[in-house]
């Protein structure tokens, strides 16, 4: 994912979501 794609999923930071999304998309 790109940073923008990660952010669009509602996360606080790109790094947090790069980890969280595969783990279950929190």
Protein backbone atom coordinates (compact mmCIF):
# COMPACT_ATOMS: atom_id res chain seq x y z
CA UNK A 1 0.00 0.00 0.00
CA UNK A 2 1.01 3.59 -0.47
CA UNK A 3 0.91 6.03 2.41
CA UNK A 4 -2.28 7.61 1.03
CA UNK A 5 -3.97 4.23 0.66
CA UNK A 6 -3.12 3.41 4.26
CA UNK A 7 -4.36 6.79 5.52
CA UNK A 8 -7.62 6.40 3.60
CA UNK A 9 -8.35 3.31 5.71
CA UNK A 10 -8.60 5.54 8.76
CA UNK A 11 -5.29 5.22 10.57
CA UNK A 12 -3.30 7.56 12.75
CA UNK A 13 0.03 7.00 10.99
CA UNK A 14 1.19 5.18 7.88
CA UNK A 15 3.58 3.04 9.91
CA UNK A 16 0.95 1.94 12.44
CA UNK A 17 -1.44 0.98 9.66
CA UNK A 18 1.13 -0.85 7.58
CA UNK A 19 1.37 -3.15 10.60
CA UNK A 20 -2.26 -3.07 11.73
CA UNK A 21 -4.07 -3.56 8.42
CA UNK A 22 -2.67 -7.03 7.63
CA UNK A 23 -3.30 -7.97 11.26
CA UNK A 24 -6.98 -7.10 10.99
CA UNK A 25 -7.46 -3.51 9.87
CA UNK A 26 -7.99 -1.66 13.12
